[in-house]
Amino acid sequence: MRIQIRRQDIAFEVFKSSGPGGQHKNKRFTAVRLTHMPSGIVVVAQKRRSLAANKALALEQLVHKLDILHRPAKERVATHKTRAAKERTLEWKKRRARKKSLRCQKYDEEG
């Protein structure tokens, strides 16, 4: 399902990008920041040297994030412990109970 984004819902901002790319990238306003007003999602693209390429990349990222946001949550399937896991737990409890009962016997003999 492709989400439709209205132009008036997006705040478009350009700024100078940083990093490698030479003078063309560092002197010109090529980085793009898009803010989707209704959801508050902010996307920044400064990978490419051209403003148009960064704008297209940012729009693509925004659509992807909105798609994830509006995706219905998967229904959780209840699981149960396996028989082996139950047996391990019971065995651990028995060992612990024996250990504790031995402590009580030691104090009973002394006191």
PDB file of N, CA and C in Angstrom:
ATOM      1  N   MET A   1       0.841  -1.183   0.000  1.00  0.00           N
ATOM      2  CA  MET A   1       0.000   0.000   0.000  1.00  0.00           C
ATOM      3  C   MET A   1       0.884   1.244   0.000  1.00  0.00           C
ATOM      4  N   ARG A   2       0.708   2.075  -0.957  1.00  0.00           N
ATOM      5  CA  ARG A   2       1.496   3.305  -1.089  1.00  0.00           C
ATOM      6  C   ARG A   2       0.752   4.453  -0.410  1.00  0.00           C
ATOM      7  N   ILE A   3       1.427   5.177   0.464  1.00  0.00           N
ATOM      8  CA  ILE A   3       0.810   6.276   1.188  1.00  0.00           C
ATOM      9  C   ILE A   3       0.889   7.550   0.366  1.00  0.00           C
ATOM     10  N   GLN A   4      -0.221   8.292   0.327  1.00  0.00           N
ATOM     11  CA  GLN A   4      -0.260   9.568  -0.373  1.00  0.00           C
ATOM     12  C   GLN A   4       0.073  10.680   0.623  1.00  0.00           C
ATOM     13  N   ILE A   5       1.032  11.529   0.257  1.00  0.00           N
ATOM     14  CA  ILE A   5       1.437  12.644   1.117  1.00  0.00           C
ATOM     15  C   ILE A   5       1.022  13.942   0.431  1.00  0.00           C
ATOM     16  N   ARG A   6       0.352  14.796   1.178  1.00  0.00           N
ATOM     17  CA  ARG A   6      -0.040  16.093   0.625  1.00  0.00           C
ATOM     18  C   ARG A   6       1.135  17.064   0.752  1.00  0.00           C
ATOM     19  N   ARG A   7       1.318  17.907  -0.254  1.00  0.00           N
ATOM     20  CA  ARG A   7       2.421  18.885  -0.273  1.00  0.00           C
ATOM     21  C   ARG A   7       2.364  19.837   0.919  1.00  0.00           C
ATOM     22  N   GLN A   8       1.147  20.250   1.309  1.00  0.00           N
ATOM     23  CA  GLN A   8       1.028  21.224   2.396  1.00  0.00           C
ATOM     24  C   GLN A   8       1.348  20.611   3.760  1.00  0.00           C
ATOM     25  N   ASP A   9       1.447  19.298   3.854  1.00  0.00           N
ATOM     26  CA  ASP A   9       1.794  18.637   5.120  1.00  0.00           C
ATOM     27  C   ASP A   9       3.296  18.545   5.348  1.00  0.00           C
ATOM     28  N   ILE A  10       4.091  18.941   4.351  1.00  0.00           N
ATOM     29  CA  ILE A  10       5.550  18.792   4.438  1.00  0.00           C
ATOM     30  C   ILE A  10       6.221  20.155   4.530  1.00  0.00           C
ATOM     31  N   ALA A  11       7.108  20.307   5.521  1.00  0.00           N
ATOM     32  CA  ALA A  11       7.956  21.505   5.624  1.00  0.00           C
ATOM     33  C   ALA A  11       9.292  21.155   4.968  1.00  0.00           C
ATOM     34  N   PHE A  12       9.676  21.925   3.967  1.00  0.00           N
ATOM     35  CA  PHE A  12      10.871  21.668   3.163  1.00  0.00           C
ATOM     36  C   PHE A  12      11.937  22.687   3.538  1.00  0.00           C
ATOM     37  N   GLU A  13      13.119  22.205   3.919  1.00  0.00           N
ATOM     38  CA  GLU A  13      14.202  23.089   4.342  1.00  0.00           C
ATOM     39  C   GLU A  13      15.508  22.628   3.688  1.00  0.00           C
ATOM     40  N   VAL A  14      16.291  23.582   3.181  1.00  0.00           N
ATOM     41  CA  VAL A  14      17.585  23.246   2.581  1.00  0.00           C
ATOM     42  C   VAL A  14      18.702  23.874   3.410  1.00  0.00           C
ATOM     43  N   PHE A  15      19.861  23.192   3.417  1.00  0.00           N
ATOM     44  CA  PHE A  15      21.025  23.717   4.130  1.00  0.00           C
ATOM     45  C   PHE A  15      22.284  23.146   3.505  1.00  0.00           C
ATOM     46  N   LYS A  16      23.417  23.668   3.908  1.00  0.00           N
ATOM     47  CA  LYS A  16      24.687  23.189   3.379  1.00  0.00           C
ATOM     48  C   LYS A  16      25.020  21.859   4.028  1.00  0.00           C
ATOM     49  N   SER A  17      25.333  20.890   3.196  1.00  0.00           N
ATOM     50  CA  SER A  17      25.675  19.579   3.729  1.00  0.00           C
ATOM     51  C   SER A  17      27.151  19.544   4.089  1.00  0.00           C
ATOM     52  N   SER A  18      27.513  18.579   4.895  1.00  0.00           N
ATOM     53  CA  SER A  18      28.905  18.447   5.312  1.00  0.00           C
ATOM     54  C   SER A  18      29.464  17.124   4.814  1.00  0.00           C
ATOM     55  N   GLY A  19      30.757  16.959   4.971  1.00  0.00           N
ATOM     56  CA  GLY A  19      31.392  15.708   4.591  1.00  0.00           C
ATOM     57  C   GLY A  19      32.102  15.808   3.263  1.00  0.00           C
ATOM     58  N   PRO A  20      32.601  14.673   2.769  1.00  0.00           N
ATOM     59  CA  PRO A  20      33.351  14.676   1.521  1.00  0.00           C
ATOM     60  C   PRO A  20      32.446  14.984   0.328  1.00  0.00           C
ATOM     61  N   GLY A  21      33.027  15.503  -0.731  1.00  0.00           N
ATOM     62  CA  GLY A  21      32.258  15.811  -1.931  1.00  0.00           C
ATOM     63  C   GLY A  21      32.793  17.023  -2.649  1.00  0.00           C
ATOM     64  N   GLY A  22      33.750  17.693  -2.066  1.00  0.00           N
ATOM     65  CA  GLY A  22      34.379  18.809  -2.751  1.00  0.00           C
ATOM     66  C   GLY A  22      33.623  20.106  -2.590  1.00  0.00           C
ATOM     67  N   GLN A  23      34.096  21.106  -3.325  1.00  0.00           N
ATOM     68  CA  GLN A  23      33.537  22.447  -3.220  1.00  0.00           C
ATOM     69  C   GLN A  23      32.062  22.497  -3.587  1.00  0.00           C
ATOM     70  N   HIS A  24      31.685  21.737  -4.604  1.00  0.00           N
ATOM     71  CA  HIS A  24      30.296  21.781  -5.058  1.00  0.00           C
ATOM     72  C   HIS A  24      29.345  21.445  -3.914  1.00  0.00           C
ATOM     73  N   LYS A  25      29.714  20.453  -3.127  1.00  0.00           N
ATOM     74  CA  LYS A  25      28.858  20.021  -2.032  1.00  0.00           C
ATOM     75  C   LYS A  25      28.928  20.986  -0.852  1.00  0.00           C
ATOM     76  N   ASN A  26      30.118  21.493  -0.546  1.00  0.00           N
ATOM     77  CA  ASN A  26      30.302  22.314   0.643  1.00  0.00           C
ATOM     78  C   ASN A  26      29.852  23.767   0.461  1.00  0.00           C
ATOM     79  N   LYS A  27      29.830  24.282  -0.765  1.00  0.00           N
ATOM     80  CA  LYS A  27      29.476  25.687  -0.991  1.00  0.00           C
ATOM     81  C   LYS A  27      27.989  25.890  -1.232  1.00  0.00           C
ATOM     82  N   ARG A  28      27.332  24.878  -1.750  1.00  0.00           N
ATOM     83  CA  ARG A  28      25.947  25.037  -2.176  1.00  0.00           C
ATOM     84  C   ARG A  28      24.987  24.409  -1.156  1.00  0.00           C
ATOM     85  N   PHE A  29      23.760  24.878  -1.216  1.00  0.00           N
ATOM     86  CA  PHE A  29      22.723  24.329  -0.347  1.00  0.00           C
ATOM     87  C   PHE A  29      22.159  23.071  -1.021  1.00  0.00           C
ATOM     88  N   THR A  30      22.705  21.923  -0.671  1.00  0.00           N
ATOM     89  CA  THR A  30      22.276  20.682  -1.315  1.00  0.00           C
ATOM     90  C   THR A  30      21.591  19.712  -0.361  1.00  0.00           C
ATOM     91  N   ALA A  31      21.734  19.898   0.930  1.00  0.00           N
ATOM     92  CA  ALA A  31      21.100  18.991   1.880  1.00  0.00           C
ATOM     93  C   ALA A  31      19.632  19.376   2.065  1.00  0.00           C
ATOM     94  N   VAL A  32      18.804  18.387   2.352  1.00  0.00           N
ATOM     95  CA  VAL A  32      17.365  18.592   2.466  1.00  0.00           C
ATOM     96  C   VAL A  32      16.869  18.029   3.794  1.00  0.00           C
ATOM     97  N   ARG A  33      16.002  18.789   4.452  1.00  0.00           N
ATOM     98  CA  ARG A  33      15.333  18.308   5.670  1.00  0.00           C
ATOM     99  C   ARG A  33      13.832  18.432   5.435  1.00  0.00           C
ATOM    100  N   LEU A  34      13.145  17.311   5.499  1.00  0.00           N
ATOM    101  CA  LEU A  34      11.695  17.298   5.335  1.00  0.00           C
ATOM    102  C   LEU A  34      11.054  16.971   6.677  1.00  0.00           C
ATOM    103  N   THR A  35      10.025  17.740   7.038  1.00  0.00           N
ATOM    104  CA  THR A  35       9.286  17.490   8.266  1.00  0.00           C
ATOM    105  C   THR A  35       7.834  17.249   7.906  1.00  0.00           C
ATOM    106  N   HIS A  36       7.320  16.105   8.290  1.00  0.00           N
ATOM    107  CA  HIS A  36       5.918  15.793   8.061  1.00  0.00           C
ATOM    108  C   HIS A  36       5.141  16.327   9.253  1.00  0.00           C
ATOM    109  N   MET A  37       4.376  17.397   9.033  1.00  0.00           N
ATOM    110  CA  MET A  37       3.712  18.116  10.118  1.00  0.00           C
ATOM    111  C   MET A  37       2.732  17.268  10.940  1.00  0.00           C
ATOM    112  N   PRO A  38       1.836  16.499  10.324  1.00  0.00           N
ATOM    113  CA  PRO A  38       0.875  15.744  11.133  1.00  0.00           C
ATOM    114  C   PRO A  38       1.523  14.717  12.067  1.00  0.00           C
ATOM    115  N   SER A  39       2.578  14.042  11.609  1.00  0.00           N
ATOM    116  CA  SER A  39       3.188  12.992  12.429  1.00  0.00           C
ATOM    117  C   SER A  39       4.435  13.456  13.170  1.00  0.00           C
ATOM    118  N   GLY A  40       5.062  14.548  12.706  1.00  0.00           N
ATOM    119  CA  GLY A  40       6.272  15.037  13.350  1.00  0.00           C
ATOM    120  C   GLY A  40       7.535  14.301  12.928  1.00  0.00           C
ATOM    121  N   ILE A  41       7.459  13.483  11.908  1.00  0.00           N
ATOM    122  CA  ILE A  41       8.619  12.735  11.425  1.00  0.00           C
ATOM    123  C   ILE A  41       9.534  13.679  10.652  1.00  0.00           C
ATOM    124  N   VAL A  42      10.837  13.611  10.957  1.00  0.00           N
ATOM    125  CA  VAL A  42      11.831  14.450  10.286  1.00  0.00           C
ATOM    126  C   VAL A  42      12.799  13.530   9.545  1.00  0.00           C
ATOM    127  N   VAL A  43      13.072  13.873   8.284  1.00  0.00           N
ATOM    128  CA  VAL A  43      13.990  13.096   7.449  1.00  0.00           C
ATOM    129  C   VAL A  43      15.033  14.041   6.878  1.00  0.00           C
ATOM    130  N   VAL A  44      16.311  13.634   6.951  1.00  0.00           N
ATOM    131  CA  VAL A  44      17.409  14.441   6.408  1.00  0.00           C
ATOM    132  C   VAL A  44      18.120  13.623   5.336  1.00  0.00           C
ATOM    133  N   ALA A  45      18.417  14.267   4.200  1.00  0.00           N
ATOM    134  CA  ALA A  45      19.173  13.620   3.125  1.00  0.00           C
ATOM    135  C   ALA A  45      20.278  14.562   2.676  1.00  0.00           C
ATOM    136  N   GLN A  46      21.518  14.084   2.766  1.00  0.00           N
ATOM    137  CA  GLN A  46      22.653  14.877   2.295  1.00  0.00           C
ATOM    138  C   GLN A  46      23.706  13.971   1.659  1.00  0.00           C
ATOM    139  N   LYS A  47      23.229  12.841   1.148  1.00  0.00           N
ATOM    140  CA  LYS A  47      24.133  11.853   0.581  1.00  0.00           C
ATOM    141  C   LYS A  47      24.669  12.265  -0.791  1.00  0.00           C
ATOM    142  N   ARG A  48      23.814  12.833  -1.605  1.00  0.00           N
ATOM    143  CA  ARG A  48      24.158  13.177  -2.986  1.00  0.00           C
ATOM    144  C   ARG A  48      24.673  14.610  -3.096  1.00  0.00           C
ATOM    145  N   ARG A  49      25.258  14.934  -4.249  1.00  0.00           N
ATOM    146  CA  ARG A  49      25.790  16.280  -4.458  1.00  0.00           C
ATOM    147  C   ARG A  49      24.749  17.242  -5.019  1.00  0.00           C
ATOM    148  N   SER A  50      23.619  16.717  -5.467  1.00  0.00           N
ATOM    149  CA  SER A  50      22.610  17.597  -6.056  1.00  0.00           C
ATOM    150  C   SER A  50      21.388  17.717  -5.151  1.00  0.00           C
ATOM    151  N   LEU A  51      20.793  18.890  -5.172  1.00  0.00           N
ATOM    152  CA  LEU A  51      19.610  19.166  -4.366  1.00  0.00           C
ATOM    153  C   LEU A  51      18.441  18.293  -4.805  1.00  0.00           C
ATOM    154  N   ALA A  52      18.248  18.138  -6.103  1.00  0.00           N
ATOM    155  CA  ALA A  52      17.125  17.350  -6.620  1.00  0.00           C
ATOM    156  C   ALA A  52      17.240  15.883  -6.195  1.00  0.00           C
ATOM    157  N   ALA A  53      18.450  15.351  -6.256  1.00  0.00           N
ATOM    158  CA  ALA A  53      18.654  13.953  -5.867  1.00  0.00           C
ATOM    159  C   ALA A  53      18.401  13.766  -4.378  1.00  0.00           C
ATOM    160  N   ASN A  54      18.867  14.716  -3.574  1.00  0.00           N
ATOM    161  CA  ASN A  54      18.643  14.630  -2.131  1.00  0.00           C
ATOM    162  C   ASN A  54      17.166  14.781  -1.783  1.00  0.00           C
ATOM    163  N   LYS A  55      16.465  15.629  -2.519  1.00  0.00           N
ATOM    164  CA  LYS A  55      15.037  15.822  -2.279  1.00  0.00           C
ATOM    165  C   LYS A  55      14.268  14.537  -2.588  1.00  0.00           C
ATOM    166  N   ALA A  56      14.606  13.904  -3.699  1.00  0.00           N
ATOM    167  CA  ALA A  56      13.954  12.640  -4.063  1.00  0.00           C
ATOM    168  C   ALA A  56      14.249  11.560  -3.024  1.00  0.00           C
ATOM    169  N   LEU A  57      15.494  11.527  -2.553  1.00  0.00           N
ATOM    170  CA  LEU A  57      15.895  10.545  -1.540  1.00  0.00           C
ATOM    171  C   LEU A  57      15.145  10.783  -0.231  1.00  0.00           C
ATOM    172  N   ALA A  58      15.010  12.037   0.169  1.00  0.00           N
ATOM    173  CA  ALA A  58      14.311  12.375   1.409  1.00  0.00           C
ATOM    174  C   ALA A  58      12.829  12.018   1.322  1.00  0.00           C
ATOM    175  N   LEU A  59      12.199  12.296   0.176  1.00  0.00           N
ATOM    176  CA  LEU A  59      10.794  11.937  -0.003  1.00  0.00           C
ATOM    177  C   LEU A  59      10.596  10.429   0.075  1.00  0.00           C
ATOM    178  N   GLU A  60      11.517   9.694  -0.517  1.00  0.00           N
ATOM    179  CA  GLU A  60      11.461   8.232  -0.474  1.00  0.00           C
ATOM    180  C   GLU A  60      11.569   7.730   0.969  1.00  0.00           C
ATOM    181  N   GLN A  61      12.497   8.310   1.739  1.00  0.00           N
ATOM    182  CA  GLN A  61      12.667   7.921   3.137  1.00  0.00           C
ATOM    183  C   GLN A  61      11.435   8.267   3.957  1.00  0.00           C
ATOM    184  N   LEU A  62      10.847   9.416   3.691  1.00  0.00           N
ATOM    185  CA  LEU A  62       9.651   9.847   4.421  1.00  0.00           C
ATOM    186  C   LEU A  62       8.480   8.903   4.155  1.00  0.00           C
ATOM    187  N   VAL A  63       8.286   8.543   2.901  1.00  0.00           N
ATOM    188  CA  VAL A  63       7.210   7.616   2.546  1.00  0.00           C
ATOM    189  C   VAL A  63       7.430   6.279   3.255  1.00  0.00           C
ATOM    190  N   HIS A  64       8.676   5.823   3.294  1.00  0.00           N
ATOM    191  CA  HIS A  64       8.994   4.552   3.947  1.00  0.00           C
ATOM    192  C   HIS A  64       8.686   4.619   5.443  1.00  0.00           C
ATOM    193  N   LYS A  65       9.078   5.705   6.103  1.00  0.00           N
ATOM    194  CA  LYS A  65       8.820   5.854   7.536  1.00  0.00           C
ATOM    195  C   LYS A  65       7.324   5.946   7.834  1.00  0.00           C
ATOM    196  N   LEU A  66       6.590   6.666   7.001  1.00  0.00           N
ATOM    197  CA  LEU A  66       5.137   6.762   7.182  1.00  0.00           C
ATOM    198  C   LEU A  66       4.459   5.416   6.947  1.00  0.00           C
ATOM    199  N   ASP A  67       4.975   4.661   5.997  1.00  0.00           N
ATOM    200  CA  ASP A  67       4.442   3.332   5.735  1.00  0.00           C
ATOM    201  C   ASP A  67       4.618   2.440   6.960  1.00  0.00           C
ATOM    202  N   ILE A  68       5.792   2.508   7.575  1.00  0.00           N
ATOM    203  CA  ILE A  68       6.052   1.725   8.788  1.00  0.00           C
ATOM    204  C   ILE A  68       5.138   2.190   9.924  1.00  0.00           C
ATOM    205  N   LEU A  69       4.942   3.496  10.028  1.00  0.00           N
ATOM    206  CA  LEU A  69       4.110   4.056  11.093  1.00  0.00           C
ATOM    207  C   LEU A  69       2.656   3.606  10.968  1.00  0.00           C
ATOM    208  N   HIS A  70       2.139   3.545   9.739  1.00  0.00           N
ATOM    209  CA  HIS A  70       0.737   3.207   9.529  1.00  0.00           C
ATOM    210  C   HIS A  70       0.491   1.727   9.278  1.00  0.00           C
ATOM    211  N   ARG A  71       1.532   0.927   9.335  1.00  0.00           N
ATOM    212  CA  ARG A  71       1.386  -0.507   9.130  1.00  0.00           C
ATOM    213  C   ARG A  71       0.664  -1.108  10.339  1.00  0.00           C
ATOM    214  N   PRO A  72      -0.339  -1.942  10.124  1.00  0.00           N
ATOM    215  CA  PRO A  72      -1.035  -2.526  11.273  1.00  0.00           C
ATOM    216  C   PRO A  72      -0.116  -3.482  12.035  1.00  0.00           C
ATOM    217  N   ALA A  73      -0.263  -3.477  13.350  1.00  0.00           N
ATOM    218  CA  ALA A  73       0.576  -4.341  14.184  1.00  0.00           C
ATOM    219  C   ALA A  73       0.155  -5.793  13.994  1.00  0.00           C
ATOM    220  N   LYS A  74       1.140  -6.677  13.973  1.00  0.00           N
ATOM    221  CA  LYS A  74       0.836  -8.091  13.834  1.00  0.00           C
ATOM    222  C   LYS A  74       0.206  -8.592  15.124  1.00  0.00           C
ATOM    223  N   GLU A  75      -0.741  -9.476  14.958  1.00  0.00           N
ATOM    224  CA  GLU A  75      -1.398 -10.030  16.131  1.00  0.00           C
ATOM    225  C   GLU A  75      -0.452 -11.017  16.806  1.00  0.00           C
ATOM    226  N   ARG A  76      -0.360 -10.894  18.119  1.00  0.00           N
ATOM    227  CA  ARG A  76       0.567 -11.731  18.869  1.00  0.00           C
ATOM    228  C   ARG A  76      -0.025 -13.117  19.052  1.00  0.00           C
ATOM    229  N   VAL A  77       0.782 -14.122  18.753  1.00  0.00           N
ATOM    230  CA  VAL A  77       0.349 -15.493  18.919  1.00  0.00           C
ATOM    231  C   VAL A  77       0.861 -15.976  20.271  1.00  0.00           C
ATOM    232  N   ALA A  78      -0.050 -16.418  21.106  1.00  0.00           N
ATOM    233  CA  ALA A  78       0.348 -16.883  22.434  1.00  0.00           C
ATOM    234  C   ALA A  78       1.134 -18.185  22.301  1.00  0.00           C
ATOM    235  N   THR A  79       2.216 -18.271  23.023  1.00  0.00           N
ATOM    236  CA  THR A  79       3.031 -19.475  22.996  1.00  0.00           C
ATOM    237  C   THR A  79       3.038 -20.103  24.383  1.00  0.00           C
ATOM    238  N   HIS A  80       3.424 -21.349  24.458  1.00  0.00           N
ATOM    239  CA  HIS A  80       3.518 -22.014  25.753  1.00  0.00           C
ATOM    240  C   HIS A  80       4.884 -22.663  25.875  1.00  0.00           C
ATOM    241  N   LYS A  81       5.286 -22.932  27.108  1.00  0.00           N
ATOM    242  CA  LYS A  81       6.579 -23.566  27.336  1.00  0.00           C
ATOM    243  C   LYS A  81       6.541 -25.000  26.833  1.00  0.00           C
ATOM    244  N   THR A  82       7.671 -25.446  26.348  1.00  0.00           N
ATOM    245  CA  THR A  82       7.754 -26.840  25.933  1.00  0.00           C
ATOM    246  C   THR A  82       7.813 -27.727  27.170  1.00  0.00           C
ATOM    247  N   ARG A  83       7.557 -28.995  26.989  1.00  0.00           N
ATOM    248  CA  ARG A  83       7.588 -29.938  28.109  1.00  0.00           C
ATOM    249  C   ARG A  83       8.984 -29.978  28.728  1.00  0.00           C
ATOM    250  N   ALA A  84      10.004 -29.966  27.887  1.00  0.00           N
ATOM    251  CA  ALA A  84      11.381 -30.017  28.392  1.00  0.00           C
ATOM    252  C   ALA A  84      11.694 -28.784  29.240  1.00  0.00           C
ATOM    253  N   ALA A  85      11.208 -27.612  28.809  1.00  0.00           N
ATOM    254  CA  ALA A  85      11.453 -26.391  29.570  1.00  0.00           C
ATOM    255  C   ALA A  85      10.741 -26.449  30.914  1.00  0.00           C
ATOM    256  N   LYS A  86       9.526 -26.974  30.933  1.00  0.00           N
ATOM    257  CA  LYS A  86       8.797 -27.119  32.198  1.00  0.00           C
ATOM    258  C   LYS A  86       9.541 -28.057  33.139  1.00  0.00           C
ATOM    259  N   GLU A  87      10.034 -29.173  32.581  1.00  0.00           N
ATOM    260  CA  GLU A  87      10.763 -30.142  33.406  1.00  0.00           C
ATOM    261  C   GLU A  87      12.041 -29.537  33.969  1.00  0.00           C
ATOM    262  N   ARG A  88      12.759 -28.755  33.164  1.00  0.00           N
ATOM    263  CA  ARG A  88      13.981 -28.094  33.654  1.00  0.00           C
ATOM    264  C   ARG A  88      13.663 -27.150  34.802  1.00  0.00           C
ATOM    265  N   THR A  89      12.582 -26.386  34.659  1.00  0.00           N
ATOM    266  CA  THR A  89      12.182 -25.449  35.708  1.00  0.00           C
ATOM    267  C   THR A  89      11.838 -26.188  36.991  1.00  0.00           C
ATOM    268  N   LEU A  90      11.071 -27.270  36.870  1.00  0.00           N
ATOM    269  CA  LEU A  90      10.699 -28.046  38.056  1.00  0.00           C
ATOM    270  C   LEU A  90      11.922 -28.667  38.721  1.00  0.00           C
ATOM    271  N   GLU A  91      12.840 -29.164  37.918  1.00  0.00           N
ATOM    272  CA  GLU A  91      14.068 -29.760  38.471  1.00  0.00           C
ATOM    273  C   GLU A  91      14.894 -28.707  39.208  1.00  0.00           C
ATOM    274  N   TRP A  92      14.979 -27.508  38.634  1.00  0.00           N
ATOM    275  CA  TRP A  92      15.714 -26.421  39.283  1.00  0.00           C
ATOM    276  C   TRP A  92      15.062 -26.055  40.608  1.00  0.00           C
ATOM    277  N   LYS A  93      13.724 -26.014  40.642  1.00  0.00           N
ATOM    278  CA  LYS A  93      13.005 -25.683  41.869  1.00  0.00           C
ATOM    279  C   LYS A  93      13.228 -26.755  42.939  1.00  0.00           C
ATOM    280  N   LYS A  94      13.225 -28.026  42.515  1.00  0.00           N
ATOM    281  CA  LYS A  94      13.455 -29.116  43.475  1.00  0.00           C
ATOM    282  C   LYS A  94      14.850 -29.027  44.083  1.00  0.00           C
ATOM    283  N   ARG A  95      15.858 -28.780  43.222  1.00  0.00           N
ATOM    284  CA  ARG A  95      17.235 -28.648  43.723  1.00  0.00           C
ATOM    285  C   ARG A  95      17.353 -27.494  44.706  1.00  0.00           C
ATOM    286  N   ARG A  96      16.744 -26.399  44.390  1.00  0.00           N
ATOM    287  CA  ARG A  96      16.798 -25.227  45.261  1.00  0.00           C
ATOM    288  C   ARG A  96      16.095 -25.496  46.590  1.00  0.00           C
ATOM    289  N   ALA A  97      14.965 -26.186  46.537  1.00  0.00           N
ATOM    290  CA  ALA A  97      14.230 -26.515  47.763  1.00  0.00           C
ATOM    291  C   ALA A  97      15.061 -27.445  48.652  1.00  0.00           C
ATOM    292  N   ARG A  98      15.739 -28.437  48.016  1.00  0.00           N
ATOM    293  CA  ARG A  98      16.606 -29.350  48.787  1.00  0.00           C
ATOM    294  C   ARG A  98      17.733 -28.583  49.463  1.00  0.00           C
ATOM    295  N   LYS A  99      18.329 -27.662  48.715  1.00  0.00           N
ATOM    296  CA  LYS A  99      19.433 -26.870  49.247  1.00  0.00           C
ATOM    297  C   LYS A  99      18.970 -26.050  50.451  1.00  0.00           C
ATOM    298  N   LYS A 100      17.798 -25.463  50.343  1.00  0.00           N
ATOM    299  CA  LYS A 100      17.277 -24.643  51.430  1.00  0.00           C
ATOM    300  C   LYS A 100      16.903 -25.501  52.633  1.00  0.00           C
ATOM    301  N   SER A 101      16.346 -26.674  52.375  1.00  0.00           N
ATOM    302  CA  SER A 101      15.978 -27.539  53.499  1.00  0.00           C
ATOM    303  C   SER A 101      17.226 -28.031  54.235  1.00  0.00           C
ATOM    304  N   LEU A 102      18.322 -28.224  53.515  1.00  0.00           N
ATOM    305  CA  LEU A 102      19.574 -28.620  54.168  1.00  0.00           C
ATOM    306  C   LEU A 102      20.088 -27.506  55.073  1.00  0.00           C
ATOM    307  N   ARG A 103      19.894 -26.270  54.673  1.00  0.00           N
ATOM    308  CA  ARG A 103      20.308 -25.151  55.521  1.00  0.00           C
ATOM    309  C   ARG A 103      19.535 -25.155  56.834  1.00  0.00           C
ATOM    310  N   CYS A 104      18.249 -25.423  56.740  1.00  0.00           N
ATOM    311  CA  CYS A 104      17.415 -25.439  57.948  1.00  0.00           C
ATOM    312  C   CYS A 104      17.861 -26.564  58.879  1.00  0.00           C
ATOM    313  N   GLN A 105      18.186 -27.730  58.341  1.00  0.00           N
ATOM    314  CA  GLN A 105      18.630 -28.874  59.157  1.00  0.00           C
ATOM    315  C   GLN A 105      19.918 -28.537  59.889  1.00  0.00           C
ATOM    316  N   LYS A 106      20.821 -27.831  59.216  1.00  0.00           N
ATOM    317  CA  LYS A 106      22.088 -27.481  59.827  1.00  0.00           C
ATOM    318  C   LYS A 106      21.873 -26.584  61.038  1.00  0.00           C
ATOM    319  N   TYR A 107      20.973 -25.630  60.919  1.00  0.00           N
ATOM    320  CA  TYR A 107      20.713 -24.721  62.041  1.00  0.00           C
ATOM    321  C   TYR A 107      19.950 -25.425  63.167  1.00  0.00           C
ATOM    322  N   ASP A 108      19.100 -26.398  62.829  1.00  0.00           N
ATOM    323  CA  ASP A 108      18.340 -27.135  63.843  1.00  0.00           C
ATOM    324  C   ASP A 108      19.284 -27.986  64.699  1.00  0.00           C
ATOM    325  N   GLU A 109      20.323 -28.564  64.067  1.00  0.00           N
ATOM    326  CA  GLU A 109      21.265 -29.415  64.808  1.00  0.00           C
ATOM    327  C   GLU A 109      22.122 -28.573  65.773  1.00  0.00           C
ATOM    328  N   GLU A 110      22.475 -27.351  65.353  1.00  0.00           N
ATOM    329  CA  GLU A 110      23.314 -26.490  66.190  1.00  0.00           C
ATOM    330  C   GLU A 110      22.535 -25.918  67.365  1.00  0.00           C
ATOM    331  N   GLY A 111      21.305 -25.500  67.118  1.00  0.00           N
ATOM    332  CA  GLY A 111      20.561 -24.728  68.093  1.00  0.00           C
ATOM    333  C   GLY A 111      19.738 -25.546  68.989  1.00  0.00           C
TER     334      GLY A 111
END
